[in-house]
Protein backbone atom coordinates (compact mmCIF):
# COMPACT_ATOMS: atom_id res chain seq x y z
CA MET A 1 0.00 0.00 0.00
CA LYS A 2 1.33 3.43 -0.96
CA THR A 3 2.03 6.09 1.65
CA ASP A 4 -0.95 8.29 0.70
CA ASP A 5 -3.24 5.27 0.82
CA ARG A 6 -1.98 4.28 4.28
CA HIS A 7 -2.52 7.82 5.52
CA ARG A 8 -6.10 7.77 4.28
CA VAL A 9 -6.76 4.41 5.93
CA ILE A 10 -5.36 5.66 9.25
CA ALA A 11 -7.50 8.80 9.05
CA GLU A 12 -10.61 6.74 8.28
CA VAL A 13 -9.98 4.45 11.26
CA LEU A 14 -9.65 7.47 13.56
CA ARG A 15 -12.93 8.81 12.22
CA ARG A 16 -14.66 5.72 13.63
CA LYS A 17 -12.91 5.33 16.98
CA PRO A 18 -11.20 7.66 19.46
CA GLU A 19 -7.95 5.69 19.77
CA VAL A 20 -6.16 2.99 17.78
CA GLY A 21 -3.06 0.88 18.34
CA VAL A 22 -0.12 0.31 16.01
CA GLU A 23 -0.92 -3.41 15.67
CA GLU A 24 -4.46 -2.72 14.45
CA LEU A 25 -3.13 -0.24 11.90
CA MET A 26 -0.50 -2.75 10.76
CA GLN A 27 -3.31 -5.17 9.90
CA ALA A 28 -5.48 -2.48 8.27
CA CYS A 29 -2.63 -1.21 6.10
CA GLY A 30 -0.63 -4.39 5.56
CA ALA A 31 2.51 -2.58 6.73
CA SER A 32 5.24 -3.08 9.30
CA GLY A 33 5.23 -1.52 12.74
CA ALA A 34 8.14 0.76 11.83
CA THR A 35 6.27 2.03 8.76
CA ILE A 36 3.09 2.71 10.73
CA ARG A 37 5.02 4.56 13.44
CA ARG A 38 6.62 6.80 10.80
CA ASP A 39 3.17 7.42 9.29
CA LEU A 40 1.79 8.40 12.69
CA GLU A 41 4.61 10.88 13.26
CA VAL A 42 3.95 12.51 9.88
CA LEU A 43 0.19 12.68 10.45
CA ALA A 44 0.67 14.07 13.95
CA ALA A 45 2.88 16.83 12.52
CA HIS A 46 0.08 17.72 10.09
CA GLY A 47 -2.54 17.92 12.82
CA VAL A 48 -4.42 14.78 11.80
CA LEU A 49 -3.98 12.91 15.10
CA ARG A 50 -2.25 12.95 18.49
CA ARG A 51 0.55 10.45 19.01
CA VAL A 52 0.19 8.34 22.17
CA HIS A 53 2.13 5.39 23.54
CA GLY A 54 1.45 2.37 21.34
CA GLY A 55 -0.69 4.16 18.78
CA ALA A 56 -2.65 7.34 18.09
CA ARG A 57 -5.64 9.27 19.39
CA SER A 58 -8.25 11.02 17.27
CA LEU A 59 -8.46 14.82 17.47
CA ILE A 60 -12.17 14.74 16.58
CA GLY A 61 -14.39 15.22 19.60
CA GLN A 62 -18.00 14.06 19.54
CA GLY A 63 -19.94 16.22 17.09
CA GLN A 64 -16.88 18.25 16.07
CA ASN A 65 -15.74 19.05 12.55
CA PRO A 66 -12.57 17.13 11.58
CA GLY A 67 -9.45 19.30 11.37
CA TYR A 68 -8.06 20.52 8.05
CA GLY A 69 -5.23 17.98 8.07
CA GLN A 70 -7.64 15.06 8.25
CA ARG A 71 -10.11 16.49 5.72
CA GLU A 72 -7.31 17.00 3.20
CA LEU A 73 -6.60 13.26 3.29
CA GLU A 74 -10.22 12.32 2.59
CA GLU A 75 -11.96 12.05 -0.81
CA GLN A 76 -8.87 13.24 -2.65
CA ASP A 77 -9.83 11.83 -6.04
CA GLY A 78 -13.31 13.33 -5.86
CA LYS A 79 -11.96 16.72 -4.81
CA ARG A 80 -9.49 16.72 -7.70
CA ARG A 81 -12.31 16.01 -10.16
CA ILE A 82 -14.49 18.69 -8.61
CA ALA A 83 -11.62 21.18 -8.71
CA ALA A 84 -10.89 20.45 -12.38
CA ALA A 85 -14.56 20.99 -13.25
CA VAL A 86 -14.67 24.27 -11.31
CA ALA A 87 -11.53 25.48 -13.10
CA GLY A 88 -13.22 24.65 -16.40
CA LEU A 89 -16.10 26.98 -15.51
CA LEU A 90 -13.79 29.98 -15.05
CA ALA A 91 -12.88 32.18 -18.01
CA ASP A 92 -9.46 33.80 -18.34
CA ARG A 93 -9.12 37.19 -16.66
CA GLU A 94 -12.08 36.59 -14.35
CA HIS A 95 -11.99 38.02 -10.83
CA VAL A 96 -12.66 35.08 -8.52
CA TRP A 97 -13.34 34.82 -4.79
CA LEU A 98 -12.29 31.43 -3.43
CA ASP A 99 -13.57 30.01 -0.13
CA SER A 100 -11.41 28.16 2.42
CA GLY A 101 -11.15 24.44 3.18
CA SER A 102 -9.59 21.36 1.59
CA THR A 103 -11.82 21.43 -1.51
CA ALA A 104 -10.96 25.10 -2.04
CA THR A 105 -7.26 24.23 -1.82
CA ALA A 106 -7.81 21.62 -4.56
CA VAL A 107 -9.44 24.34 -6.69
CA ALA A 108 -6.46 26.62 -6.03
CA ARG A 109 -4.11 23.92 -7.34
CA ALA A 110 -6.30 23.49 -10.43
CA VAL A 111 -6.13 27.22 -11.33
CA ALA A 112 -2.49 27.78 -10.35
CA GLY A 113 -1.45 28.30 -13.98
CA ARG A 114 -4.44 30.41 -15.04
CA GLU A 115 -4.72 34.07 -15.93
CA LEU A 116 -7.12 35.10 -13.19
CA THR A 117 -7.39 37.58 -10.36
CA LEU A 118 -7.98 35.49 -7.26
CA MET A 119 -8.81 36.23 -3.62
CA PRO A 120 -8.11 32.99 -1.68
CA MET A 121 -9.60 32.81 1.80
CA SER A 122 -6.90 30.62 3.35
CA LEU A 123 -3.14 30.42 3.52
CA GLN A 124 -3.46 26.82 2.33
CA ALA A 125 -5.02 27.95 -0.97
CA LEU A 126 -2.63 30.90 -1.21
CA ASN A 127 0.38 28.57 -0.99
CA ALA A 128 -1.16 26.20 -3.55
CA VAL A 129 -1.57 29.03 -6.06
CA ALA A 130 1.78 30.65 -5.34
CA GLY A 131 3.58 27.34 -5.81
CA GLY A 132 2.31 26.68 -9.33
CA GLU A 133 2.44 28.27 -12.77
CA ASP A 134 2.10 27.19 -16.39
CA ALA A 135 4.89 26.71 -18.94
CA ASN A 136 4.83 30.43 -19.75
CA GLY A 137 5.17 31.44 -16.11
CA GLN A 138 1.49 32.41 -15.91
CA HIS A 139 -0.25 32.38 -12.53
CA PRO A 140 -3.19 34.22 -10.97
CA ALA A 141 -2.84 37.74 -9.63
CA LEU A 142 -3.55 37.50 -5.90
CA LEU A 143 -5.66 39.69 -3.64
CA LEU A 144 -5.39 39.08 0.11
CA PRO A 145 -8.38 39.79 2.36
CA GLY A 146 -6.53 40.54 5.59
CA GLY A 147 -8.18 39.91 8.94
CA SER A 148 -7.44 37.21 11.49
CA VAL A 149 -6.20 33.70 10.72
CA VAL A 150 -7.98 30.71 12.26
CA PRO A 151 -5.45 28.33 13.86
CA GLY A 152 -5.27 24.94 12.17
CA GLU A 153 -7.55 25.94 9.31
CA LEU A 154 -5.31 28.90 8.38
CA SER A 155 -8.39 30.62 6.94
CA PHE A 156 -9.05 34.36 7.05
CA CYS A 157 -11.92 35.67 9.16
CA GLY A 158 -13.14 38.68 11.09
CA PRO A 159 -14.54 42.15 10.33
CA LEU A 160 -11.48 43.31 8.36
CA ALA A 161 -11.67 40.31 6.02
CA GLU A 162 -15.41 40.76 5.55
CA SER A 163 -15.05 44.50 4.88
CA ASN A 164 -12.31 43.98 2.29
CA ILE A 165 -14.34 41.29 0.52
CA ARG A 166 -17.41 43.53 0.36
CA SER A 167 -15.38 46.44 -1.01
CA LEU A 168 -14.76 44.48 -4.23
CA ARG A 169 -16.90 42.91 -6.96
CA PHE A 170 -16.10 39.45 -8.30
CA ASP A 171 -17.24 37.70 -11.46
CA THR A 172 -17.48 34.37 -9.62
CA ALA A 173 -17.52 33.22 -6.01
CA VAL A 174 -16.48 29.60 -5.45
CA LEU A 175 -18.08 28.45 -2.20
CA THR A 176 -17.15 25.25 -0.38
CA PRO A 177 -19.85 24.84 2.28
CA CYS A 178 -19.46 22.67 5.37
CA ALA A 179 -22.80 21.08 4.54
CA VAL A 180 -25.49 21.29 1.86
CA ASP A 181 -29.14 20.67 2.59
CA PHE A 182 -32.05 20.58 0.13
CA LYS A 183 -34.22 22.45 2.62
CA ASP A 184 -31.82 25.02 4.10
CA GLY A 185 -29.16 25.31 1.38
CA LEU A 186 -25.55 26.13 2.24
CA LEU A 187 -24.36 25.85 5.84
CA ALA A 188 -21.22 26.48 7.89
CA HIS A 189 -20.02 25.19 11.24
CA ASP A 190 -19.56 28.56 12.94
CA LEU A 191 -20.72 32.17 12.70
CA ASP A 192 -17.33 33.60 11.68
CA ASP A 193 -16.98 31.24 8.72
CA ALA A 194 -20.60 31.83 7.71
CA ALA A 195 -20.04 35.62 7.75
CA VAL A 196 -17.03 35.32 5.42
CA LYS A 197 -18.89 32.97 3.08
CA THR A 198 -21.86 35.34 2.97
CA ALA A 199 -19.61 38.29 2.16
CA GLY A 200 -18.05 36.38 -0.75
CA LEU A 201 -21.43 35.29 -2.05
CA ASP A 202 -22.91 38.80 -1.81
CA SER A 203 -19.96 40.31 -3.70
CA ALA A 204 -20.14 38.03 -6.75
CA ALA A 205 -22.21 38.03 -9.93
CA ARG A 206 -22.16 34.22 -10.12
CA VAL A 207 -22.01 31.62 -7.33
CA VAL A 208 -20.39 28.24 -7.95
CA VAL A 209 -20.68 25.70 -5.13
CA ALA A 210 -18.05 22.94 -4.94
CA ALA A 211 -19.33 20.18 -2.67
CA SER A 212 -18.29 16.54 -2.44
CA ALA A 213 -20.92 13.86 -1.85
CA ALA A 214 -20.07 13.79 1.86
CA LYS A 215 -21.20 17.41 2.25
CA TRP A 216 -24.76 16.39 1.39
CA GLU A 217 -24.75 13.99 4.34
CA ALA A 218 -22.95 16.35 6.74
CA HIS A 219 -24.50 18.47 9.48
CA ALA A 220 -23.80 22.13 10.22
CA ARG A 221 -25.72 24.70 12.23
CA VAL A 222 -25.19 28.12 10.65
CA LEU A 223 -27.11 29.15 7.54
CA VAL A 224 -25.13 30.87 4.76
CA ALA A 225 -27.67 31.05 1.93
CA GLY A 226 -30.50 29.13 0.32
CA LEU A 227 -30.10 27.19 -2.91
CA ALA A 228 -31.93 29.96 -4.79
CA ARG A 229 -28.73 32.03 -4.52
CA VAL A 230 -26.62 29.32 -6.22
CA ASP A 231 -25.99 29.30 -9.98
CA VAL A 232 -23.91 26.11 -10.37
CA ILE A 233 -23.23 23.12 -8.13
CA VAL A 234 -20.20 20.95 -8.91
CA THR A 235 -20.32 17.63 -7.09
CA ASP A 236 -19.57 13.92 -7.27
CA ARG A 237 -22.89 13.04 -5.66
CA THR A 238 -25.40 10.98 -7.65
CA PHE A 239 -28.85 12.59 -7.39
CA SER A 240 -32.20 10.85 -7.57
CA ALA A 241 -34.84 12.07 -10.02
CA GLN A 242 -36.67 13.71 -7.12
CA GLU A 243 -33.51 15.54 -6.02
CA TYR A 244 -32.86 16.77 -9.56
CA ALA A 245 -36.41 18.08 -9.67
CA GLU A 246 -35.82 19.88 -6.37
CA LEU A 247 -32.70 21.58 -7.73
CA LYS A 248 -34.51 22.50 -10.93
CA LYS A 249 -36.97 24.53 -8.85
CA TYR A 250 -34.09 26.82 -7.95
CA SER A 251 -32.70 26.97 -11.53
CA VAL A 252 -29.44 25.48 -10.29
CA GLU A 253 -27.14 23.99 -12.94
CA VAL A 254 -25.58 20.69 -11.78
CA VAL A 255 -22.14 19.64 -12.99
CA SER A 256 -21.55 15.98 -12.07
CA VAL A 257 -17.98 14.67 -11.97
């Protein structure tokens, strides 16, 4: 099993149980104890887990949102496909507001060589864009929102960030909600994140939502906007005929990947 695959397996195990031993992970990954211990050290350094004697402990408390490090390991293939589809929706020289989170970072990687003006809402996405360019040295022009930085997530938040977002007008806002609900629409886990998402949405002519299938099963408490405010949803979820009909009510275009 490759390193990335082992890391994903370890993260999935720690989603299900609060603590796991090295021996159990050896069996789950088909790897030696020395290999698993090295994996645990790497994942601990990235904030995915806490290293304890004989194994690892999950950092996810009951009802809590998994940390950025763990979310980045999950659904990687789906997020890459979603990101590629989002990039395909953006025209050259567009002004784009980009939300925070692991899916947003995947989008940042997908547009790293594009001629865009981009406001990324996390240092993770900023680094992904700054680290890439096309063969001609092309990369997006960057606008930074300022404000406070959320530990762990490294996302921008606060009144200064919101004010700077609202002072500009974007062609497209790419939102990555914490959860999507057919009744309530787009949701976030906390008020600060919801306020930033709302500012980005309100400042854009077009709203593109990038949401993996897991987001449709997730739970979040803070309303950002209803589906009527969304123009395009890019997702790897398979919808039923009834769900497609529900989205059609809101005139939402669905891009399936």
